[in-house]
Amino acid sequence: MPDNPPMHLLIPFAASHSDGAVAALSQLQLPHLQKLLTLLSARSAQMNDALSLSPPHEYALAQTLGLPSNDGHIPWAALYAQQELDSPSVLVEPGQAWGFITLCHWQVNTNHMVMSHLPLPGLTPAQSDDLLAAMQPYFAEDGITLHADQSGRYLAQSPLFSAIASASLDRVVGRNLEHWMPDATRAGTLLRLQNEMQMLFYTHPVNTQREALGLPPVNSFWLSGTGALPAGYTAPEAATQPVVVDALRAAALGENWAAWQQAWQTLDTTDIQPLLTAAQRGQPVVVTLCGERGWQSWHTQALSPWQKLKRLFGVPPLQDILKAL
């Protein structure tokens, strides 16, 4: 581990191409971040497709953690299982493929389906456990083992998840699912299970309870984070990992751009200002900004006085940087 690892902030949802976000961005004032970028060296922006299964912030984080970065195959569930599962009844073996199964509500419209926002409101741990018990036999028939995790989310282990690319929840929440459904040729079992669970959930007592309270029913699930860890993988020391800042996530996914703008301005005075102070003191720092299509990092680098002067006047306006991501 480096003697003095850099302070690294990774900021998802730093930009969006929504009309509302572009309008908010034109009014956004982030003086600490703008000044910080004048002190740092830019790495090349990494661009992808806005319809990729894995969003830019997951690619950026995967690279820092040394994880595979194949679209829809970043093994987040396998990493979570390796780090978090601590039960004699659960054996996490090298090379196993894992995935997250998240309970959700799909709003069915005339020509498309939309994923509800998560987590599902009012879903209790007891209800989550009841649904897990009902689901497990169906999944077991197809060689998928489900384990309790969080309320509304289960860990799933199966060799099937080595071949199924899955879209991140950060891609699908609040959106038309048409672009994000798994490939039927590889995920036929998964699609059939989704149909079976829709029928199971329709008459399940948990949904009877939820509907009596005016809560949206659980009517499907979403698979994400699929894949297996590389042989012998060990995560980097915690001190060398970036701090992922989720302050912009909820507003961006909800397309509440006034709240997003406010969250950005708050972030500039809370998390960004200490990073600027550290950079001014000569401490190593890194900041990674992630949008819908791409991400870019800036890092501390020794510069000559001429290079410092050139950079002071050569950094593009922050709005231009964010619009490109």
C-alpha atoms as a PDB file:
ATOM      1  CA  MET A   1       0.000   0.000   0.000  1.00  0.00           C
ATOM      2  CA  PRO A   2       1.354   3.488  -0.813  1.00  0.00           C
ATOM      3  CA  ASP A   3       2.759   5.402   2.152  1.00  0.00           C
ATOM      4  CA  ASN A   4       0.469   8.308   1.409  1.00  0.00           C
ATOM      5  CA  PRO A   5      -2.464   7.220  -0.774  1.00  0.00           C
ATOM      6  CA  PRO A   6      -4.314  10.086  -2.447  1.00  0.00           C
ATOM      7  CA  MET A   7      -7.665  11.357  -1.255  1.00  0.00           C
ATOM      8  CA  HIS A   8      -9.969  10.223  -4.052  1.00  0.00           C
ATOM      9  CA  LEU A   9     -13.585  11.318  -4.501  1.00  0.00           C
ATOM     10  CA  LEU A  10     -15.654   9.519  -7.140  1.00  0.00           C
ATOM     11  CA  ILE A  11     -18.857  11.394  -7.934  1.00  0.00           C
ATOM     12  CA  PRO A  12     -21.635   9.574  -9.832  1.00  0.00           C
ATOM     13  CA  PHE A  13     -24.431  11.489 -11.587  1.00  0.00           C
ATOM     14  CA  ALA A  14     -22.217  14.568 -11.898  1.00  0.00           C
ATOM     15  CA  ALA A  15     -23.903  15.329 -15.236  1.00  0.00           C
ATOM     16  CA  SER A  16     -26.924  14.333 -17.298  1.00  0.00           C
ATOM     17  CA  HIS A  17     -28.139  15.002 -20.828  1.00  0.00           C
ATOM     18  CA  SER A  18     -31.711  15.548 -19.713  1.00  0.00           C
ATOM     19  CA  ASP A  19     -33.043  18.943 -20.796  1.00  0.00           C
ATOM     20  CA  GLY A  20     -33.733  19.796 -17.172  1.00  0.00           C
ATOM     21  CA  ALA A  21     -30.196  18.892 -16.143  1.00  0.00           C
ATOM     22  CA  VAL A  22     -28.674  20.958 -18.949  1.00  0.00           C
ATOM     23  CA  ALA A  23     -30.743  23.958 -17.834  1.00  0.00           C
ATOM     24  CA  ALA A  24     -29.693  23.446 -14.196  1.00  0.00           C
ATOM     25  CA  LEU A  25     -26.074  23.039 -15.246  1.00  0.00           C
ATOM     26  CA  SER A  26     -26.055  26.443 -16.954  1.00  0.00           C
ATOM     27  CA  GLN A  27     -26.847  28.011 -13.557  1.00  0.00           C
ATOM     28  CA  LEU A  28     -24.530  25.816 -11.499  1.00  0.00           C
ATOM     29  CA  GLN A  29     -21.774  27.578  -9.552  1.00  0.00           C
ATOM     30  CA  LEU A  30     -19.124  25.270  -8.069  1.00  0.00           C
ATOM     31  CA  PRO A  31     -16.189  27.542  -7.206  1.00  0.00           C
ATOM     32  CA  HIS A  32     -14.255  25.018  -5.118  1.00  0.00           C
ATOM     33  CA  LEU A  33     -14.400  22.327  -7.786  1.00  0.00           C
ATOM     34  CA  GLN A  34     -13.492  24.776 -10.554  1.00  0.00           C
ATOM     35  CA  LYS A  35     -10.454  25.956  -8.575  1.00  0.00           C
ATOM     36  CA  LEU A  36      -9.489  22.398  -7.656  1.00  0.00           C
ATOM     37  CA  LEU A  37      -9.331  21.371 -11.308  1.00  0.00           C
ATOM     38  CA  THR A  38      -6.840  24.175 -11.994  1.00  0.00           C
ATOM     39  CA  LEU A  39      -4.467  22.494  -9.513  1.00  0.00           C
ATOM     40  CA  LEU A  40      -4.768  18.994 -10.944  1.00  0.00           C
ATOM     41  CA  SER A  41      -3.805  17.186 -14.138  1.00  0.00           C
ATOM     42  CA  ALA A  42      -6.593  15.734 -16.250  1.00  0.00           C
ATOM     43  CA  ARG A  43      -6.530  12.157 -17.412  1.00  0.00           C
ATOM     44  CA  SER A  44      -8.210  11.352 -20.718  1.00  0.00           C
ATOM     45  CA  ALA A  45     -11.985  11.135 -20.533  1.00  0.00           C
ATOM     46  CA  GLN A  46     -13.383   7.611 -20.896  1.00  0.00           C
ATOM     47  CA  MET A  47     -16.492   7.604 -23.041  1.00  0.00           C
ATOM     48  CA  ASN A  48     -19.150   4.961 -23.447  1.00  0.00           C
ATOM     49  CA  ASP A  49     -22.740   4.650 -24.620  1.00  0.00           C
ATOM     50  CA  ALA A  50     -25.632   6.182 -22.674  1.00  0.00           C
ATOM     51  CA  LEU A  51     -27.427   2.849 -23.192  1.00  0.00           C
ATOM     52  CA  SER A  52     -24.606   0.708 -21.832  1.00  0.00           C
ATOM     53  CA  LEU A  53     -25.695  -1.787 -19.187  1.00  0.00           C
ATOM     54  CA  SER A  54     -23.059  -0.552 -16.735  1.00  0.00           C
ATOM     55  CA  PRO A  55     -23.048   3.207 -16.034  1.00  0.00           C
ATOM     56  CA  PRO A  56     -19.820   5.240 -16.106  1.00  0.00           C
ATOM     57  CA  HIS A  57     -19.436   5.425 -12.326  1.00  0.00           C
ATOM     58  CA  GLU A  58     -19.455   1.622 -12.103  1.00  0.00           C
ATOM     59  CA  TYR A  59     -16.789   1.375 -14.805  1.00  0.00           C
ATOM     60  CA  ALA A  60     -14.658   3.974 -13.031  1.00  0.00           C
ATOM     61  CA  LEU A  61     -14.981   2.239  -9.660  1.00  0.00           C
ATOM     62  CA  ALA A  62     -14.323  -1.190 -11.166  1.00  0.00           C
ATOM     63  CA  GLN A  63     -11.063   0.056 -12.673  1.00  0.00           C
ATOM     64  CA  THR A  64      -9.826   1.397  -9.344  1.00  0.00           C
ATOM     65  CA  LEU A  65     -10.701  -1.916  -7.661  1.00  0.00           C
ATOM     66  CA  GLY A  66      -9.079  -4.054 -10.356  1.00  0.00           C
ATOM     67  CA  LEU A  67     -12.364  -5.710 -11.334  1.00  0.00           C
ATOM     68  CA  PRO A  68     -13.345  -6.879 -14.840  1.00  0.00           C
ATOM     69  CA  SER A  69     -15.000  -4.051 -16.743  1.00  0.00           C
ATOM     70  CA  ASN A  70     -17.115  -5.846 -19.320  1.00  0.00           C
ATOM     71  CA  ASP A  71     -20.482  -4.217 -19.954  1.00  0.00           C
ATOM     72  CA  GLY A  72     -23.113  -5.761 -17.694  1.00  0.00           C
ATOM     73  CA  HIS A  73     -20.554  -8.164 -16.234  1.00  0.00           C
ATOM     74  CA  ILE A  74     -18.908  -6.184 -13.444  1.00  0.00           C
ATOM     75  CA  PRO A  75     -19.147  -8.730 -10.598  1.00  0.00           C
ATOM     76  CA  TRP A  76     -20.514  -6.508  -7.857  1.00  0.00           C
ATOM     77  CA  ALA A  77     -22.559  -9.271  -6.243  1.00  0.00           C
ATOM     78  CA  ALA A  78     -19.596 -11.658  -6.184  1.00  0.00           C
ATOM     79  CA  LEU A  79     -17.449  -8.956  -4.551  1.00  0.00           C
ATOM     80  CA  TYR A  80     -20.187  -8.286  -2.003  1.00  0.00           C
ATOM     81  CA  ALA A  81     -20.532 -12.000  -1.260  1.00  0.00           C
ATOM     82  CA  GLN A  82     -16.765 -12.320  -0.764  1.00  0.00           C
ATOM     83  CA  GLN A  83     -16.615  -9.367   1.606  1.00  0.00           C
ATOM     84  CA  GLU A  84     -19.933  -9.498   3.440  1.00  0.00           C
ATOM     85  CA  LEU A  85     -21.186 -13.074   3.693  1.00  0.00           C
ATOM     86  CA  ASP A  86     -20.085 -14.545   6.979  1.00  0.00           C
ATOM     87  CA  SER A  87     -22.131 -17.661   7.618  1.00  0.00           C
ATOM     88  CA  PRO A  88     -21.118 -21.299   8.017  1.00  0.00           C
ATOM     89  CA  SER A  89     -24.095 -22.206   5.823  1.00  0.00           C
ATOM     90  CA  VAL A  90     -22.835 -20.132   2.896  1.00  0.00           C
ATOM     91  CA  LEU A  91     -19.569 -21.031   1.187  1.00  0.00           C
ATOM     92  CA  VAL A  92     -18.225 -18.438  -1.231  1.00  0.00           C
ATOM     93  CA  GLU A  93     -15.919 -20.306  -3.589  1.00  0.00           C
ATOM     94  CA  PRO A  94     -13.467 -18.856  -6.130  1.00  0.00           C
ATOM     95  CA  GLY A  95     -14.914 -18.575  -9.613  1.00  0.00           C
ATOM     96  CA  GLN A  96     -18.551 -18.636  -8.491  1.00  0.00           C
ATOM     97  CA  ALA A  97     -20.895 -16.342 -10.378  1.00  0.00           C
ATOM     98  CA  TRP A  98     -23.286 -14.245  -8.326  1.00  0.00           C
ATOM     99  CA  GLY A  99     -25.988 -11.644  -8.877  1.00  0.00           C
ATOM    100  CA  PHE A 100     -28.327  -9.377  -6.960  1.00  0.00           C
ATOM    101  CA  ILE A 101     -32.070 -10.067  -7.122  1.00  0.00           C
ATOM    102  CA  THR A 102     -33.974  -6.878  -6.258  1.00  0.00           C
ATOM    103  CA  LEU A 103     -37.734  -6.812  -5.705  1.00  0.00           C
ATOM    104  CA  CYS A 104     -39.436  -4.041  -7.633  1.00  0.00           C
ATOM    105  CA  HIS A 105     -42.646  -2.640  -9.037  1.00  0.00           C
ATOM    106  CA  TRP A 106     -43.093  -2.342 -12.806  1.00  0.00           C
ATOM    107  CA  GLN A 107     -45.636   0.182 -13.998  1.00  0.00           C
ATOM    108  CA  VAL A 108     -47.169  -1.248 -17.172  1.00  0.00           C
ATOM    109  CA  ASN A 109     -48.141   1.426 -19.682  1.00  0.00           C
ATOM    110  CA  THR A 110     -49.645   1.090 -23.167  1.00  0.00           C
ATOM    111  CA  ASN A 111     -46.388   0.587 -25.041  1.00  0.00           C
ATOM    112  CA  HIS A 112     -43.761   0.142 -22.365  1.00  0.00           C
ATOM    113  CA  MET A 113     -42.899  -0.747 -18.778  1.00  0.00           C
ATOM    114  CA  VAL A 114     -41.261   1.608 -16.289  1.00  0.00           C
ATOM    115  CA  MET A 115     -39.219   0.585 -13.252  1.00  0.00           C
ATOM    116  CA  SER A 116     -40.428   2.172 -10.032  1.00  0.00           C
ATOM    117  CA  HIS A 117     -38.054   4.043  -7.773  1.00  0.00           C
ATOM    118  CA  LEU A 118     -36.248   2.001  -5.149  1.00  0.00           C
ATOM    119  CA  PRO A 119     -36.271   0.931  -2.408  1.00  0.00           C
ATOM    120  CA  LEU A 120     -39.904  -0.064  -2.462  1.00  0.00           C
ATOM    121  CA  PRO A 121     -41.781   2.031   0.126  1.00  0.00           C
ATOM    122  CA  GLY A 122     -42.983   0.225   3.223  1.00  0.00           C
ATOM    123  CA  LEU A 123     -41.446  -3.166   2.426  1.00  0.00           C
ATOM    124  CA  THR A 124     -40.654  -4.633   5.847  1.00  0.00           C
ATOM    125  CA  PRO A 125     -37.898  -7.172   6.570  1.00  0.00           C
ATOM    126  CA  ALA A 126     -40.602  -9.732   7.473  1.00  0.00           C
ATOM    127  CA  GLN A 127     -42.338  -9.238   4.119  1.00  0.00           C
ATOM    128  CA  SER A 128     -39.021  -9.531   2.320  1.00  0.00           C
ATOM    129  CA  ASP A 129     -38.338 -12.819   4.107  1.00  0.00           C
ATOM    130  CA  ASP A 130     -41.821 -14.126   3.280  1.00  0.00           C
ATOM    131  CA  LEU A 131     -41.311 -13.411  -0.420  1.00  0.00           C
ATOM    132  CA  LEU A 132     -37.859 -14.993  -0.321  1.00  0.00           C
ATOM    133  CA  ALA A 133     -39.301 -18.208   1.126  1.00  0.00           C
ATOM    134  CA  ALA A 134     -41.921 -18.291  -1.633  1.00  0.00           C
ATOM    135  CA  MET A 135     -39.367 -17.630  -4.389  1.00  0.00           C
ATOM    136  CA  GLN A 136     -36.607 -20.021  -3.338  1.00  0.00           C
ATOM    137  CA  PRO A 137     -38.167 -23.294  -4.635  1.00  0.00           C
ATOM    138  CA  TYR A 138     -38.721 -21.825  -8.110  1.00  0.00           C
ATOM    139  CA  PHE A 139     -35.163 -20.543  -8.354  1.00  0.00           C
ATOM    140  CA  ALA A 140     -33.737 -23.775  -6.931  1.00  0.00           C
ATOM    141  CA  GLU A 141     -35.359 -25.742  -9.759  1.00  0.00           C
ATOM    142  CA  ASP A 142     -33.149 -23.783 -12.154  1.00  0.00           C
ATOM    143  CA  GLY A 143     -29.985 -24.171 -10.088  1.00  0.00           C
ATOM    144  CA  ILE A 144     -30.124 -20.689  -8.527  1.00  0.00           C
ATOM    145  CA  THR A 145     -29.553 -20.386  -4.774  1.00  0.00           C
ATOM    146  CA  LEU A 146     -31.043 -17.337  -3.077  1.00  0.00           C
ATOM    147  CA  HIS A 147     -29.666 -15.898   0.175  1.00  0.00           C
ATOM    148  CA  ALA A 148     -31.250 -13.227   2.350  1.00  0.00           C
ATOM    149  CA  ASP A 149     -29.407  -9.920   2.273  1.00  0.00           C
ATOM    150  CA  GLN A 150     -31.196  -6.594   2.613  1.00  0.00           C
ATOM    151  CA  SER A 151     -34.915  -5.957   2.791  1.00  0.00           C
ATOM    152  CA  GLY A 152     -36.043  -6.242  -0.815  1.00  0.00           C
ATOM    153  CA  ARG A 153     -32.729  -7.594  -2.112  1.00  0.00           C
ATOM    154  CA  TYR A 154     -31.282 -11.100  -2.203  1.00  0.00           C
ATOM    155  CA  LEU A 155     -27.923 -12.549  -3.161  1.00  0.00           C
ATOM    156  CA  ALA A 156     -28.187 -15.203  -5.867  1.00  0.00           C
ATOM    157  CA  GLN A 157     -25.540 -17.756  -6.849  1.00  0.00           C
ATOM    158  CA  SER A 158     -25.604 -19.756 -10.069  1.00  0.00           C
ATOM    159  CA  PRO A 159     -23.324 -20.650 -12.999  1.00  0.00           C
ATOM    160  CA  LEU A 160     -26.015 -19.026 -15.162  1.00  0.00           C
ATOM    161  CA  PHE A 161     -24.782 -15.611 -14.066  1.00  0.00           C
ATOM    162  CA  SER A 162     -21.478 -16.114 -15.851  1.00  0.00           C
ATOM    163  CA  ALA A 163     -23.268 -15.747 -19.175  1.00  0.00           C
ATOM    164  CA  ILE A 164     -26.028 -13.233 -18.403  1.00  0.00           C
ATOM    165  CA  ALA A 165     -25.170  -9.556 -18.814  1.00  0.00           C
ATOM    166  CA  SER A 166     -27.339  -7.449 -16.522  1.00  0.00           C
ATOM    167  CA  ALA A 167     -28.199  -3.760 -16.431  1.00  0.00           C
ATOM    168  CA  SER A 168     -27.383  -1.770 -13.324  1.00  0.00           C
ATOM    169  CA  LEU A 169     -30.301  -0.505 -11.258  1.00  0.00           C
ATOM    170  CA  ASP A 170     -28.820   2.958 -11.772  1.00  0.00           C
ATOM    171  CA  ARG A 171     -29.631   2.550 -15.469  1.00  0.00           C
ATOM    172  CA  VAL A 172     -33.211   1.316 -15.144  1.00  0.00           C
ATOM    173  CA  VAL A 173     -34.807   3.024 -12.140  1.00  0.00           C
ATOM    174  CA  GLY A 174     -37.537   5.357 -13.338  1.00  0.00           C
ATOM    175  CA  ARG A 175     -36.979   4.418 -16.975  1.00  0.00           C
ATOM    176  CA  ASN A 176     -38.533   2.468 -19.798  1.00  0.00           C
ATOM    177  CA  LEU A 177     -37.182  -1.075 -19.470  1.00  0.00           C
ATOM    178  CA  GLU A 178     -37.187  -1.783 -23.199  1.00  0.00           C
ATOM    179  CA  HIS A 179     -33.497  -0.999 -23.682  1.00  0.00           C
ATOM    180  CA  TRP A 180     -32.335  -2.844 -20.588  1.00  0.00           C
ATOM    181  CA  MET A 181     -34.009  -6.258 -20.682  1.00  0.00           C
ATOM    182  CA  PRO A 182     -31.499  -9.158 -20.816  1.00  0.00           C
ATOM    183  CA  ASP A 183     -30.846 -10.985 -24.064  1.00  0.00           C
ATOM    184  CA  ALA A 184     -33.496 -13.705 -24.425  1.00  0.00           C
ATOM    185  CA  THR A 185     -31.039 -16.117 -26.076  1.00  0.00           C
ATOM    186  CA  ARG A 186     -28.816 -16.102 -22.970  1.00  0.00           C
ATOM    187  CA  ALA A 187     -31.356 -15.290 -20.301  1.00  0.00           C
ATOM    188  CA  GLY A 188     -34.346 -17.451 -21.202  1.00  0.00           C
ATOM    189  CA  THR A 189     -34.379 -18.990 -17.735  1.00  0.00           C
ATOM    190  CA  LEU A 190     -34.335 -15.571 -16.103  1.00  0.00           C
ATOM    191  CA  LEU A 191     -37.190 -14.243 -18.249  1.00  0.00           C
ATOM    192  CA  ARG A 192     -39.282 -17.309 -17.494  1.00  0.00           C
ATOM    193  CA  LEU A 193     -38.634 -16.847 -13.773  1.00  0.00           C
ATOM    194  CA  GLN A 194     -39.739 -13.226 -14.037  1.00  0.00           C
ATOM    195  CA  ASN A 195     -43.028 -14.392 -15.543  1.00  0.00           C
ATOM    196  CA  GLU A 196     -43.467 -17.034 -12.846  1.00  0.00           C
ATOM    197  CA  MET A 197     -42.719 -14.537 -10.077  1.00  0.00           C
ATOM    198  CA  GLN A 198     -45.247 -12.078 -11.493  1.00  0.00           C
ATOM    199  CA  MET A 199     -47.920 -14.752 -11.146  1.00  0.00           C
ATOM    200  CA  LEU A 200     -46.684 -15.777  -7.694  1.00  0.00           C
ATOM    201  CA  PHE A 201     -46.609 -12.201  -6.424  1.00  0.00           C
ATOM    202  CA  TYR A 202     -50.080 -11.394  -7.799  1.00  0.00           C
ATOM    203  CA  THR A 203     -51.870 -13.418  -5.124  1.00  0.00           C
ATOM    204  CA  HIS A 204     -49.214 -13.384  -2.392  1.00  0.00           C
ATOM    205  CA  PRO A 205     -50.368 -12.180   1.070  1.00  0.00           C
ATOM    206  CA  VAL A 206     -47.570  -9.603   1.148  1.00  0.00           C
ATOM    207  CA  ASN A 207     -49.176  -7.772  -1.755  1.00  0.00           C
ATOM    208  CA  THR A 208     -52.592  -8.050  -0.146  1.00  0.00           C
ATOM    209  CA  GLN A 209     -51.116  -6.263   2.880  1.00  0.00           C
ATOM    210  CA  ARG A 210     -49.408  -3.642   0.723  1.00  0.00           C
ATOM    211  CA  GLU A 211     -52.480  -2.891  -1.357  1.00  0.00           C
ATOM    212  CA  ALA A 212     -54.562  -2.438   1.807  1.00  0.00           C
ATOM    213  CA  LEU A 213     -52.098   0.292   2.807  1.00  0.00           C
ATOM    214  CA  GLY A 214     -52.126   1.901  -0.644  1.00  0.00           C
ATOM    215  CA  LEU A 215     -48.552   0.808  -1.373  1.00  0.00           C
ATOM    216  CA  PRO A 216     -47.408  -0.347  -4.831  1.00  0.00           C
ATOM    217  CA  PRO A 217     -47.372  -4.151  -5.105  1.00  0.00           C
ATOM    218  CA  VAL A 218     -44.201  -6.159  -5.618  1.00  0.00           C
ATOM    219  CA  ASN A 219     -44.751  -7.450  -9.137  1.00  0.00           C
ATOM    220  CA  SER A 220     -41.305  -8.373 -10.456  1.00  0.00           C
ATOM    221  CA  PHE A 221     -37.585  -8.529  -9.719  1.00  0.00           C
ATOM    222  CA  TRP A 222     -34.430  -7.216 -11.370  1.00  0.00           C
ATOM    223  CA  LEU A 223     -31.117  -9.022 -11.768  1.00  0.00           C
ATOM    224  CA  SER A 224     -27.927  -6.946 -11.566  1.00  0.00           C
ATOM    225  CA  GLY A 225     -24.249  -7.116 -10.634  1.00  0.00           C
ATOM    226  CA  THR A 226     -23.699 -10.455 -12.385  1.00  0.00           C
ATOM    227  CA  GLY A 227     -20.361 -12.191 -12.893  1.00  0.00           C
ATOM    228  CA  ALA A 228     -17.518 -13.923 -11.114  1.00  0.00           C
ATOM    229  CA  LEU A 229     -14.385 -12.515  -9.510  1.00  0.00           C
ATOM    230  CA  PRO A 230     -11.041 -13.250 -11.201  1.00  0.00           C
ATOM    231  CA  ALA A 231      -9.088 -16.136  -9.720  1.00  0.00           C
ATOM    232  CA  GLY A 232      -7.191 -15.041  -6.618  1.00  0.00           C
ATOM    233  CA  TYR A 233      -8.814 -11.619  -6.554  1.00  0.00           C
ATOM    234  CA  THR A 234      -8.268  -9.501  -3.460  1.00  0.00           C
ATOM    235  CA  ALA A 235      -9.728  -6.026  -3.151  1.00  0.00           C
ATOM    236  CA  PRO A 236      -7.272  -3.148  -2.627  1.00  0.00           C
ATOM    237  CA  GLU A 237      -6.729  -1.838   0.872  1.00  0.00           C
ATOM    238  CA  ALA A 238      -9.602   0.363   2.011  1.00  0.00           C
ATOM    239  CA  ALA A 239      -7.288   3.369   2.370  1.00  0.00           C
ATOM    240  CA  THR A 240      -6.473   3.245  -1.350  1.00  0.00           C
ATOM    241  CA  GLN A 241     -10.076   2.975  -2.534  1.00  0.00           C
ATOM    242  CA  PRO A 242     -12.050   6.010  -3.676  1.00  0.00           C
ATOM    243  CA  VAL A 243     -14.834   7.491  -1.602  1.00  0.00           C
ATOM    244  CA  VAL A 244     -18.008   7.166  -3.677  1.00  0.00           C
ATOM    245  CA  VAL A 245     -20.217  10.212  -3.104  1.00  0.00           C
ATOM    246  CA  ASP A 246     -23.907   9.419  -3.590  1.00  0.00           C
ATOM    247  CA  ALA A 247     -25.242  12.883  -2.793  1.00  0.00           C
ATOM    248  CA  LEU A 248     -26.478  13.484  -6.370  1.00  0.00           C
ATOM    249  CA  ARG A 249     -28.009  10.071  -7.010  1.00  0.00           C
ATOM    250  CA  ALA A 250     -31.555  10.401  -5.678  1.00  0.00           C
ATOM    251  CA  ALA A 251     -32.215  13.761  -7.334  1.00  0.00           C
ATOM    252  CA  ALA A 252     -30.770  12.625 -10.663  1.00  0.00           C
ATOM    253  CA  LEU A 253     -32.732   9.364 -10.768  1.00  0.00           C
ATOM    254  CA  GLY A 254     -35.876  11.276  -9.804  1.00  0.00           C
ATOM    255  CA  GLU A 255     -35.063  13.956 -12.421  1.00  0.00           C
ATOM    256  CA  ASN A 256     -35.512  16.618  -9.765  1.00  0.00           C
ATOM    257  CA  TRP A 257     -32.978  18.980 -11.246  1.00  0.00           C
ATOM    258  CA  ALA A 258     -33.566  21.818  -8.805  1.00  0.00           C
ATOM    259  CA  ALA A 259     -32.698  19.414  -5.972  1.00  0.00           C
ATOM    260  CA  TRP A 260     -29.753  18.083  -8.014  1.00  0.00           C
ATOM    261  CA  GLN A 261     -28.397  21.602  -8.452  1.00  0.00           C
ATOM    262  CA  GLN A 262     -28.747  22.261  -4.725  1.00  0.00           C
ATOM    263  CA  ALA A 263     -27.094  18.945  -3.873  1.00  0.00           C
ATOM    264  CA  TRP A 264     -24.159  19.816  -6.157  1.00  0.00           C
ATOM    265  CA  GLN A 265     -23.701  23.199  -4.499  1.00  0.00           C
ATOM    266  CA  THR A 266     -23.807  21.588  -1.057  1.00  0.00           C
ATOM    267  CA  LEU A 267     -21.303  18.978  -2.195  1.00  0.00           C
ATOM    268  CA  ASP A 268     -18.966  21.738  -3.374  1.00  0.00           C
ATOM    269  CA  THR A 269     -18.804  23.219   0.134  1.00  0.00           C
ATOM    270  CA  THR A 270     -18.696  19.952   2.062  1.00  0.00           C
ATOM    271  CA  ASP A 271     -16.717  17.240   0.257  1.00  0.00           C
ATOM    272  CA  ILE A 272     -14.952  19.287  -2.436  1.00  0.00           C
ATOM    273  CA  GLN A 273     -13.649  22.109  -0.242  1.00  0.00           C
ATOM    274  CA  PRO A 274     -11.508  19.788   1.969  1.00  0.00           C
ATOM    275  CA  LEU A 275     -10.107  18.205  -1.181  1.00  0.00           C
ATOM    276  CA  LEU A 276      -9.159  21.651  -2.477  1.00  0.00           C
ATOM    277  CA  THR A 277      -7.476  22.490   0.831  1.00  0.00           C
ATOM    278  CA  ALA A 278      -5.514  19.231   0.689  1.00  0.00           C
ATOM    279  CA  ALA A 279      -4.384  19.947  -2.885  1.00  0.00           C
ATOM    280  CA  GLN A 280      -3.282  23.457  -1.918  1.00  0.00           C
ATOM    281  CA  ARG A 281      -1.177  21.925   0.853  1.00  0.00           C
ATOM    282  CA  GLY A 282       0.517  19.632  -1.643  1.00  0.00           C
ATOM    283  CA  GLN A 283      -1.259  16.457  -0.595  1.00  0.00           C
ATOM    284  CA  PRO A 284      -2.079  13.949  -3.352  1.00  0.00           C
ATOM    285  CA  VAL A 285      -5.735  14.067  -4.389  1.00  0.00           C
ATOM    286  CA  VAL A 286      -7.899  12.602  -7.159  1.00  0.00           C
ATOM    287  CA  VAL A 287     -11.412  13.554  -8.229  1.00  0.00           C
ATOM    288  CA  THR A 288     -13.446  11.510 -10.717  1.00  0.00           C
ATOM    289  CA  LEU A 289     -16.581  12.974 -12.286  1.00  0.00           C
ATOM    290  CA  CYS A 290     -19.068  10.563 -13.863  1.00  0.00           C
ATOM    291  CA  GLY A 291     -21.981  11.383 -16.137  1.00  0.00           C
ATOM    292  CA  GLU A 292     -24.359   9.282 -18.247  1.00  0.00           C
ATOM    293  CA  ARG A 293     -21.891   8.479 -21.052  1.00  0.00           C
ATOM    294  CA  GLY A 294     -18.427   8.881 -19.621  1.00  0.00           C
ATOM    295  CA  TRP A 295     -16.117   9.737 -16.773  1.00  0.00           C
ATOM    296  CA  GLN A 296     -12.914  11.682 -16.250  1.00  0.00           C
ATOM    297  CA  SER A 297     -10.339  11.881 -13.453  1.00  0.00           C
ATOM    298  CA  TRP A 298      -8.028  14.675 -12.328  1.00  0.00           C
ATOM    299  CA  HIS A 299      -5.006  13.983 -10.141  1.00  0.00           C
ATOM    300  CA  THR A 300      -2.077  15.663  -8.416  1.00  0.00           C
ATOM    301  CA  GLN A 301       1.059  15.901 -10.530  1.00  0.00           C
ATOM    302  CA  ALA A 302       4.307  17.835 -10.040  1.00  0.00           C
ATOM    303  CA  LEU A 303       4.410  20.806 -12.446  1.00  0.00           C
ATOM    304  CA  SER A 304       6.865  23.500 -13.406  1.00  0.00           C
ATOM    305  CA  PRO A 305       5.891  27.133 -12.698  1.00  0.00           C
ATOM    306  CA  TRP A 306       5.156  27.623 -16.422  1.00  0.00           C
ATOM    307  CA  GLN A 307       2.886  24.558 -16.485  1.00  0.00           C
ATOM    308  CA  LYS A 308       1.024  25.835 -13.426  1.00  0.00           C
ATOM    309  CA  LEU A 309       0.481  29.243 -15.042  1.00  0.00           C
ATOM    310  CA  LYS A 310      -0.631  27.667 -18.315  1.00  0.00           C
ATOM    311  CA  ARG A 311      -3.124  25.415 -16.537  1.00  0.00           C
ATOM    312  CA  LEU A 312      -4.543  28.281 -14.488  1.00  0.00           C
ATOM    313  CA  PHE A 313      -5.774  29.884 -17.705  1.00  0.00           C
ATOM    314  CA  GLY A 314      -6.272  26.695 -19.695  1.00  0.00           C
ATOM    315  CA  VAL A 315      -8.873  24.688 -17.772  1.00  0.00           C
ATOM    316  CA  PRO A 316     -12.206  24.735 -19.624  1.00  0.00           C
ATOM    317  CA  PRO A 317     -15.282  26.067 -17.819  1.00  0.00           C
ATOM    318  CA  LEU A 318     -16.723  23.436 -15.526  1.00  0.00           C
ATOM    319  CA  GLN A 319     -20.060  23.465 -17.362  1.00  0.00           C
ATOM    320  CA  ASP A 320     -18.266  22.455 -20.578  1.00  0.00           C
ATOM    321  CA  ILE A 321     -16.461  19.620 -18.805  1.00  0.00           C
ATOM    322  CA  LEU A 322     -19.688  18.248 -17.327  1.00  0.00           C
ATOM    323  CA  LYS A 323     -21.664  18.599 -20.559  1.00  0.00           C
ATOM    324  CA  ALA A 324     -19.187  16.270 -22.252  1.00  0.00           C
ATOM    325  CA  LEU A 325     -19.707  13.409 -19.771  1.00  0.00           C
END
